[in-house]
Amino acid sequence: MAEMIVIQVNDHKLEAPLGVSVAAALLLDGQTRFRTSVSGEPRAALCGMGICFECRVTIDDRPHCRSCQVMVQDGMVIRTT
């Protein structure tokens, strides 16, 4: 079994397996909306390899991070919109 770490997502704590991407951790938690487009459409991970930019979130106060390209770290703070 994978080692679990604790991250914070939108003010709640979440356990995630060490070594997965932020996008994977959010999807494992059942989150299907990471942000909203300018026209109000829900957006989340689509390509999973950093090309589409649909999975952008704020990580540790850095906006527009591609969540599929960033691995979770213990204590990480993530904000979706």
PDB file of N, CA and C in Angstrom:
ATOM      1  N   MET A   1       0.843  -1.191   0.000  1.00  0.00           N
ATOM      2  CA  MET A   1       0.000   0.000   0.000  1.00  0.00           C
ATOM      3  C   MET A   1       0.880   1.243   0.000  1.00  0.00           C
ATOM      4  N   ALA A   2       0.448   2.264  -0.722  1.00  0.00           N
ATOM      5  CA  ALA A   2       1.222   3.496  -0.841  1.00  0.00           C
ATOM      6  C   ALA A   2       1.211   4.275   0.466  1.00  0.00           C
ATOM      7  N   GLU A   3       2.308   4.973   0.710  1.00  0.00           N
ATOM      8  CA  GLU A   3       2.365   5.875   1.860  1.00  0.00           C
ATOM      9  C   GLU A   3       1.396   7.025   1.625  1.00  0.00           C
ATOM     10  N   MET A   4       0.653   7.380   2.657  1.00  0.00           N
ATOM     11  CA  MET A   4      -0.323   8.455   2.539  1.00  0.00           C
ATOM     12  C   MET A   4       0.240   9.734   3.161  1.00  0.00           C
ATOM     13  N   ILE A   5      -0.091  10.860   2.534  1.00  0.00           N
ATOM     14  CA  ILE A   5       0.298  12.168   3.055  1.00  0.00           C
ATOM     15  C   ILE A   5      -0.967  13.000   3.211  1.00  0.00           C
ATOM     16  N   VAL A   6      -0.858  14.148   3.858  1.00  0.00           N
ATOM     17  CA  VAL A   6      -2.017  15.032   4.058  1.00  0.00           C
ATOM     18  C   VAL A   6      -1.792  16.326   3.285  1.00  0.00           C
ATOM     19  N   ILE A   7      -2.773  16.672   2.473  1.00  0.00           N
ATOM     20  CA  ILE A   7      -2.768  17.944   1.768  1.00  0.00           C
ATOM     21  C   ILE A   7      -4.036  18.689   2.170  1.00  0.00           C
ATOM     22  N   GLN A   8      -4.067  19.979   1.885  1.00  0.00           N
ATOM     23  CA  GLN A   8      -5.254  20.778   2.185  1.00  0.00           C
ATOM     24  C   GLN A   8      -5.853  21.247   0.869  1.00  0.00           C
ATOM     25  N   VAL A   9      -7.134  20.956   0.681  1.00  0.00           N
ATOM     26  CA  VAL A   9      -7.825  21.345  -0.546  1.00  0.00           C
ATOM     27  C   VAL A   9      -9.047  22.163  -0.167  1.00  0.00           C
ATOM     28  N   ASN A  10      -9.047  23.430  -0.573  1.00  0.00           N
ATOM     29  CA  ASN A  10     -10.186  24.312  -0.288  1.00  0.00           C
ATOM     30  C   ASN A  10     -10.606  24.239   1.178  1.00  0.00           C
ATOM     31  N   ASP A  11      -9.656  24.387   2.055  1.00  0.00           N
ATOM     32  CA  ASP A  11      -9.883  24.460   3.500  1.00  0.00           C
ATOM     33  C   ASP A  11     -10.296  23.140   4.158  1.00  0.00           C
ATOM     34  N   HIS A  12     -10.141  22.015   3.480  1.00  0.00           N
ATOM     35  CA  HIS A  12     -10.345  20.744   4.178  1.00  0.00           C
ATOM     36  C   HIS A  12      -9.144  19.830   3.926  1.00  0.00           C
ATOM     37  N   LYS A  13      -8.854  19.015   4.906  1.00  0.00           N
ATOM     38  CA  LYS A  13      -7.707  18.118   4.804  1.00  0.00           C
ATOM     39  C   LYS A  13      -8.090  16.880   4.022  1.00  0.00           C
ATOM     40  N   LEU A  14      -7.125  16.394   3.247  1.00  0.00           N
ATOM     41  CA  LEU A  14      -7.347  15.251   2.386  1.00  0.00           C
ATOM     42  C   LEU A  14      -6.114  14.357   2.439  1.00  0.00           C
ATOM     43  N   GLU A  15      -6.321  13.063   2.608  1.00  0.00           N
ATOM     44  CA  GLU A  15      -5.210  12.124   2.518  1.00  0.00           C
ATOM     45  C   GLU A  15      -5.044  11.723   1.063  1.00  0.00           C
ATOM     46  N   ALA A  16      -3.805  11.698   0.619  1.00  0.00           N
ATOM     47  CA  ALA A  16      -3.507  11.336  -0.761  1.00  0.00           C
ATOM     48  C   ALA A  16      -2.291  10.418  -0.781  1.00  0.00           C
ATOM     49  N   PRO A  17      -2.234   9.502  -1.737  1.00  0.00           N
ATOM     50  CA  PRO A  17      -1.065   8.638  -1.837  1.00  0.00           C
ATOM     51  C   PRO A  17       0.165   9.428  -2.291  1.00  0.00           C
ATOM     52  N   LEU A  18       1.275   9.222  -1.632  1.00  0.00           N
ATOM     53  CA  LEU A  18       2.523   9.856  -2.037  1.00  0.00           C
ATOM     54  C   LEU A  18       2.879   9.379  -3.440  1.00  0.00           C
ATOM     55  N   GLY A  19       3.305  10.297  -4.296  1.00  0.00           N
ATOM     56  CA  GLY A  19       3.734   9.937  -5.642  1.00  0.00           C
ATOM     57  C   GLY A  19       2.686  10.124  -6.721  1.00  0.00           C
ATOM     58  N   VAL A  20       1.497  10.630  -6.371  1.00  0.00           N
ATOM     59  CA  VAL A  20       0.493  10.902  -7.402  1.00  0.00           C
ATOM     60  C   VAL A  20       0.467  12.398  -7.696  1.00  0.00           C
ATOM     61  N   SER A  21      -0.089  12.745  -8.822  1.00  0.00           N
ATOM     62  CA  SER A  21      -0.215  14.161  -9.175  1.00  0.00           C
ATOM     63  C   SER A  21      -1.342  14.795  -8.366  1.00  0.00           C
ATOM     64  N   VAL A  22      -1.317  16.110  -8.321  1.00  0.00           N
ATOM     65  CA  VAL A  22      -2.391  16.848  -7.656  1.00  0.00           C
ATOM     66  C   VAL A  22      -3.717  16.523  -8.333  1.00  0.00           C
ATOM     67  N   ALA A  23      -3.741  16.462  -9.660  1.00  0.00           N
ATOM     68  CA  ALA A  23      -4.972  16.130 -10.384  1.00  0.00           C
ATOM     69  C   ALA A  23      -5.494  14.765  -9.953  1.00  0.00           C
ATOM     70  N   ALA A  24      -4.622  13.781  -9.850  1.00  0.00           N
ATOM     71  CA  ALA A  24      -5.039  12.439  -9.442  1.00  0.00           C
ATOM     72  C   ALA A  24      -5.598  12.456  -8.023  1.00  0.00           C
ATOM     73  N   ALA A  25      -4.967  13.189  -7.124  1.00  0.00           N
ATOM     74  CA  ALA A  25      -5.450  13.272  -5.743  1.00  0.00           C
ATOM     75  C   ALA A  25      -6.838  13.903  -5.693  1.00  0.00           C
ATOM     76  N   LEU A  26      -7.055  14.950  -6.485  1.00  0.00           N
ATOM     77  CA  LEU A  26      -8.366  15.598  -6.517  1.00  0.00           C
ATOM     78  C   LEU A  26      -9.421  14.664  -7.101  1.00  0.00           C
ATOM     79  N   LEU A  27      -9.085  13.961  -8.166  1.00  0.00           N
ATOM     80  CA  LEU A  27     -10.028  13.032  -8.772  1.00  0.00           C
ATOM     81  C   LEU A  27     -10.325  11.858  -7.841  1.00  0.00           C
ATOM     82  N   LEU A  28      -9.311  11.356  -7.128  1.00  0.00           N
ATOM     83  CA  LEU A  28      -9.528  10.281  -6.156  1.00  0.00           C
ATOM     84  C   LEU A  28     -10.485  10.727  -5.053  1.00  0.00           C
ATOM     85  N   ASP A  29     -10.483  12.027  -4.758  1.00  0.00           N
ATOM     86  CA  ASP A  29     -11.379  12.593  -3.746  1.00  0.00           C
ATOM     87  C   ASP A  29     -12.786  12.843  -4.305  1.00  0.00           C
ATOM     88  N   GLY A  30     -12.989  12.587  -5.582  1.00  0.00           N
ATOM     89  CA  GLY A  30     -14.304  12.773  -6.189  1.00  0.00           C
ATOM     90  C   GLY A  30     -14.551  14.156  -6.752  1.00  0.00           C
ATOM     91  N   GLN A  31     -13.523  14.980  -6.794  1.00  0.00           N
ATOM     92  CA  GLN A  31     -13.694  16.339  -7.320  1.00  0.00           C
ATOM     93  C   GLN A  31     -13.609  16.309  -8.848  1.00  0.00           C
ATOM     94  N   THR A  32     -14.623  16.848  -9.484  1.00  0.00           N
ATOM     95  CA  THR A  32     -14.674  16.858 -10.948  1.00  0.00           C
ATOM     96  C   THR A  32     -14.660  18.273 -11.524  1.00  0.00           C
ATOM     97  N   ARG A  33     -14.562  19.264 -10.665  1.00  0.00           N
ATOM     98  CA  ARG A  33     -14.500  20.668 -11.110  1.00  0.00           C
ATOM     99  C   ARG A  33     -13.308  21.316 -10.423  1.00  0.00           C
ATOM    100  N   PHE A  34     -12.268  21.621 -11.198  1.00  0.00           N
ATOM    101  CA  PHE A  34     -11.071  22.251 -10.641  1.00  0.00           C
ATOM    102  C   PHE A  34     -11.128  23.763 -10.771  1.00  0.00           C
ATOM    103  N   ARG A  35     -11.793  24.243 -11.820  1.00  0.00           N
ATOM    104  CA  ARG A  35     -11.915  25.675 -12.071  1.00  0.00           C
ATOM    105  C   ARG A  35     -13.120  25.895 -12.960  1.00  0.00           C
ATOM    106  N   THR A  36     -13.427  27.161 -13.245  1.00  0.00           N
ATOM    107  CA  THR A  36     -14.526  27.525 -14.139  1.00  0.00           C
ATOM    108  C   THR A  36     -13.954  28.361 -15.278  1.00  0.00           C
ATOM    109  N   SER A  37     -14.371  28.065 -16.491  1.00  0.00           N
ATOM    110  CA  SER A  37     -13.900  28.828 -17.654  1.00  0.00           C
ATOM    111  C   SER A  37     -14.493  30.235 -17.627  1.00  0.00           C
ATOM    112  N   VAL A  38     -14.019  31.099 -18.505  1.00  0.00           N
ATOM    113  CA  VAL A  38     -14.533  32.467 -18.560  1.00  0.00           C
ATOM    114  C   VAL A  38     -16.008  32.498 -18.936  1.00  0.00           C
ATOM    115  N   SER A  39     -16.491  31.447 -19.580  1.00  0.00           N
ATOM    116  CA  SER A  39     -17.910  31.394 -19.935  1.00  0.00           C
ATOM    117  C   SER A  39     -18.742  30.620 -18.912  1.00  0.00           C
ATOM    118  N   GLY A  40     -18.103  30.235 -17.783  1.00  0.00           N
ATOM    119  CA  GLY A  40     -18.828  29.592 -16.702  1.00  0.00           C
ATOM    120  C   GLY A  40     -18.883  28.073 -16.751  1.00  0.00           C
ATOM    121  N   GLU A  41     -18.182  27.462 -17.683  1.00  0.00           N
ATOM    122  CA  GLU A  41     -18.178  26.005 -17.815  1.00  0.00           C
ATOM    123  C   GLU A  41     -17.199  25.371 -16.821  1.00  0.00           C
ATOM    124  N   PRO A  42     -17.577  24.230 -16.228  1.00  0.00           N
ATOM    125  CA  PRO A  42     -16.650  23.547 -15.315  1.00  0.00           C
ATOM    126  C   PRO A  42     -15.472  22.961 -16.085  1.00  0.00           C
ATOM    127  N   ARG A  43     -14.302  23.026 -15.472  1.00  0.00           N
ATOM    128  CA  ARG A  43     -13.090  22.486 -16.084  1.00  0.00           C
ATOM    129  C   ARG A  43     -12.360  21.615 -15.073  1.00  0.00           C
ATOM    130  N   ALA A  44     -11.693  20.582 -15.576  1.00  0.00           N
ATOM    131  CA  ALA A  44     -10.897  19.674 -14.739  1.00  0.00           C
ATOM    132  C   ALA A  44      -9.846  19.032 -15.634  1.00  0.00           C
ATOM    133  N   ALA A  45      -9.132  18.065 -15.101  1.00  0.00           N
ATOM    134  CA  ALA A  45      -8.088  17.385 -15.872  1.00  0.00           C
ATOM    135  C   ALA A  45      -8.697  16.767 -17.123  1.00  0.00           C
ATOM    136  N   LEU A  46      -8.053  16.996 -18.251  1.00  0.00           N
ATOM    137  CA  LEU A  46      -8.530  16.454 -19.521  1.00  0.00           C
ATOM    138  C   LEU A  46      -7.459  15.587 -20.163  1.00  0.00           C
ATOM    139  N   CYS A  47      -6.316  16.176 -20.486  1.00  0.00           N
ATOM    140  CA  CYS A  47      -5.286  15.410 -21.196  1.00  0.00           C
ATOM    141  C   CYS A  47      -4.377  14.632 -20.247  1.00  0.00           C
ATOM    142  N   GLY A  48      -4.178  15.149 -19.043  1.00  0.00           N
ATOM    143  CA  GLY A  48      -3.328  14.463 -18.079  1.00  0.00           C
ATOM    144  C   GLY A  48      -1.841  14.555 -18.348  1.00  0.00           C
ATOM    145  N   MET A  49      -1.433  15.388 -19.310  1.00  0.00           N
ATOM    146  CA  MET A  49      -0.008  15.513 -19.610  1.00  0.00           C
ATOM    147  C   MET A  49       0.457  16.950 -19.806  1.00  0.00           C
ATOM    148  N   GLY A  50      -0.348  17.913 -19.374  1.00  0.00           N
ATOM    149  CA  GLY A  50       0.089  19.305 -19.352  1.00  0.00           C
ATOM    150  C   GLY A  50      -0.104  20.097 -20.617  1.00  0.00           C
ATOM    151  N   ILE A  51      -0.784  19.545 -21.603  1.00  0.00           N
ATOM    152  CA  ILE A  51      -0.950  20.256 -22.871  1.00  0.00           C
ATOM    153  C   ILE A  51      -2.185  21.151 -22.875  1.00  0.00           C
ATOM    154  N   CYS A  52      -3.287  20.712 -22.275  1.00  0.00           N
ATOM    155  CA  CYS A  52      -4.558  21.417 -22.425  1.00  0.00           C
ATOM    156  C   CYS A  52      -4.772  22.569 -21.433  1.00  0.00           C
ATOM    157  N   PHE A  53      -4.079  22.574 -20.317  1.00  0.00           N
ATOM    158  CA  PHE A  53      -4.187  23.627 -19.295  1.00  0.00           C
ATOM    159  C   PHE A  53      -5.570  23.695 -18.635  1.00  0.00           C
ATOM    160  N   GLU A  54      -6.406  22.689 -18.807  1.00  0.00           N
ATOM    161  CA  GLU A  54      -7.742  22.692 -18.213  1.00  0.00           C
ATOM    162  C   GLU A  54      -7.714  22.417 -16.715  1.00  0.00           C
ATOM    163  N   CYS A  55      -6.642  21.843 -16.210  1.00  0.00           N
ATOM    164  CA  CYS A  55      -6.585  21.402 -14.809  1.00  0.00           C
ATOM    165  C   CYS A  55      -5.911  22.412 -13.882  1.00  0.00           C
ATOM    166  N   ARG A  56      -5.832  23.660 -14.301  1.00  0.00           N
ATOM    167  CA  ARG A  56      -5.120  24.661 -13.502  1.00  0.00           C
ATOM    168  C   ARG A  56      -5.773  24.909 -12.148  1.00  0.00           C
ATOM    169  N   VAL A  57      -4.934  24.966 -11.121  1.00  0.00           N
ATOM    170  CA  VAL A  57      -5.348  25.256  -9.752  1.00  0.00           C
ATOM    171  C   VAL A  57      -4.291  26.159  -9.123  1.00  0.00           C
ATOM    172  N   THR A  58      -4.568  26.645  -7.931  1.00  0.00           N
ATOM    173  CA  THR A  58      -3.570  27.401  -7.172  1.00  0.00           C
ATOM    174  C   THR A  58      -2.941  26.451  -6.166  1.00  0.00           C
ATOM    175  N   ILE A  59      -1.619  26.364  -6.192  1.00  0.00           N
ATOM    176  CA  ILE A  59      -0.879  25.482  -5.285  1.00  0.00           C
ATOM    177  C   ILE A  59       0.100  26.328  -4.483  1.00  0.00           C
ATOM    178  N   ASP A  60      -0.048  26.281  -3.155  1.00  0.00           N
ATOM    179  CA  ASP A  60       0.820  27.061  -2.260  1.00  0.00           C
ATOM    180  C   ASP A  60       0.933  28.515  -2.712  1.00  0.00           C
ATOM    181  N   ASP A  61      -0.218  29.119  -2.994  1.00  0.00           N
ATOM    182  CA  ASP A  61      -0.345  30.526  -3.410  1.00  0.00           C
ATOM    183  C   ASP A  61       0.224  30.826  -4.793  1.00  0.00           C
ATOM    184  N   ARG A  62       0.545  29.811  -5.590  1.00  0.00           N
ATOM    185  CA  ARG A  62       0.991  30.017  -6.971  1.00  0.00           C
ATOM    186  C   ARG A  62      -0.185  29.698  -7.898  1.00  0.00           C
ATOM    187  N   PRO A  63      -0.779  30.718  -8.534  1.00  0.00           N
ATOM    188  CA  PRO A  63      -1.939  30.471  -9.399  1.00  0.00           C
ATOM    189  C   PRO A  63      -1.551  29.800 -10.717  1.00  0.00           C
ATOM    190  N   HIS A  64      -2.538  29.212 -11.373  1.00  0.00           N
ATOM    191  CA  HIS A  64      -2.425  28.649 -12.720  1.00  0.00           C
ATOM    192  C   HIS A  64      -1.432  27.487 -12.833  1.00  0.00           C
ATOM    193  N   CYS A  65      -1.289  26.700 -11.773  1.00  0.00           N
ATOM    194  CA  CYS A  65      -0.434  25.509 -11.827  1.00  0.00           C
ATOM    195  C   CYS A  65      -1.199  24.383 -12.513  1.00  0.00           C
ATOM    196  N   ARG A  66      -0.546  23.690 -13.422  1.00  0.00           N
ATOM    197  CA  ARG A  66      -1.169  22.534 -14.064  1.00  0.00           C
ATOM    198  C   ARG A  66      -1.116  21.368 -13.083  1.00  0.00           C
ATOM    199  N   SER A  67      -2.271  21.016 -12.533  1.00  0.00           N
ATOM    200  CA  SER A  67      -2.319  20.013 -11.468  1.00  0.00           C
ATOM    201  C   SER A  67      -1.877  18.627 -11.926  1.00  0.00           C
ATOM    202  N   CYS A  68      -1.924  18.361 -13.216  1.00  0.00           N
ATOM    203  CA  CYS A  68      -1.484  17.060 -13.709  1.00  0.00           C
ATOM    204  C   CYS A  68       0.038  16.956 -13.774  1.00  0.00           C
ATOM    205  N   GLN A  69       0.723  18.081 -13.619  1.00  0.00           N
ATOM    206  CA  GLN A  69       2.180  18.107 -13.728  1.00  0.00           C
ATOM    207  C   GLN A  69       2.891  18.250 -12.386  1.00  0.00           C
ATOM    208  N   VAL A  70       2.133  18.419 -11.305  1.00  0.00           N
ATOM    209  CA  VAL A  70       2.714  18.652  -9.985  1.00  0.00           C
ATOM    210  C   VAL A  70       2.383  17.470  -9.083  1.00  0.00           C
ATOM    211  N   MET A  71       3.412  16.872  -8.484  1.00  0.00           N
ATOM    212  CA  MET A  71       3.204  15.760  -7.562  1.00  0.00           C
ATOM    213  C   MET A  71       2.841  16.299  -6.176  1.00  0.00           C
ATOM    214  N   VAL A  72       1.951  15.600  -5.490  1.00  0.00           N
ATOM    215  CA  VAL A  72       1.554  16.032  -4.155  1.00  0.00           C
ATOM    216  C   VAL A  72       2.737  15.967  -3.198  1.00  0.00           C
ATOM    217  N   GLN A  73       2.736  16.884  -2.261  1.00  0.00           N
ATOM    218  CA  GLN A  73       3.735  16.923  -1.189  1.00  0.00           C
ATOM    219  C   GLN A  73       3.000  17.137   0.116  1.00  0.00           C
ATOM    220  N   ASP A  74       3.514  16.547   1.169  1.00  0.00           N
ATOM    221  CA  ASP A  74       2.886  16.669   2.471  1.00  0.00           C
ATOM    222  C   ASP A  74       2.746  18.133   2.854  1.00  0.00           C
ATOM    223  N   GLY A  75       1.552  18.534   3.277  1.00  0.00           N
ATOM    224  CA  GLY A  75       1.303  19.906   3.715  1.00  0.00           C
ATOM    225  C   GLY A  75       0.949  20.871   2.605  1.00  0.00           C
ATOM    226  N   MET A  76       0.908  20.413   1.378  1.00  0.00           N
ATOM    227  CA  MET A  76       0.587  21.270   0.241  1.00  0.00           C
ATOM    228  C   MET A  76      -0.823  21.865   0.410  1.00  0.00           C
ATOM    229  N   VAL A  77      -0.975  23.127   0.007  1.00  0.00           N
ATOM    230  CA  VAL A  77      -2.276  23.807   0.076  1.00  0.00           C
ATOM    231  C   VAL A  77      -2.743  24.076  -1.354  1.00  0.00           C
ATOM    232  N   ILE A  78      -3.913  23.554  -1.679  1.00  0.00           N
ATOM    233  CA  ILE A  78      -4.457  23.638  -3.033  1.00  0.00           C
ATOM    234  C   ILE A  78      -5.796  24.339  -3.004  1.00  0.00           C
ATOM    235  N   ARG A  79      -6.004  25.235  -3.978  1.00  0.00           N
ATOM    236  CA  ARG A  79      -7.292  25.916  -4.112  1.00  0.00           C
ATOM    237  C   ARG A  79      -7.796  25.681  -5.533  1.00  0.00           C
ATOM    238  N   THR A  80      -9.036  25.225  -5.604  1.00  0.00           N
ATOM    239  CA  THR A  80      -9.710  25.159  -6.886  1.00  0.00           C
ATOM    240  C   THR A  80     -10.699  26.308  -6.902  1.00  0.00           C
ATOM    241  N   THR A  81     -11.213  26.644  -8.079  1.00  0.00           N
ATOM    242  CA  THR A  81     -12.167  27.752  -8.144  1.00  0.00           C
ATOM    243  C   THR A  81     -13.476  27.295  -8.730  1.00  0.00           C
TER     244      THR A  81
END
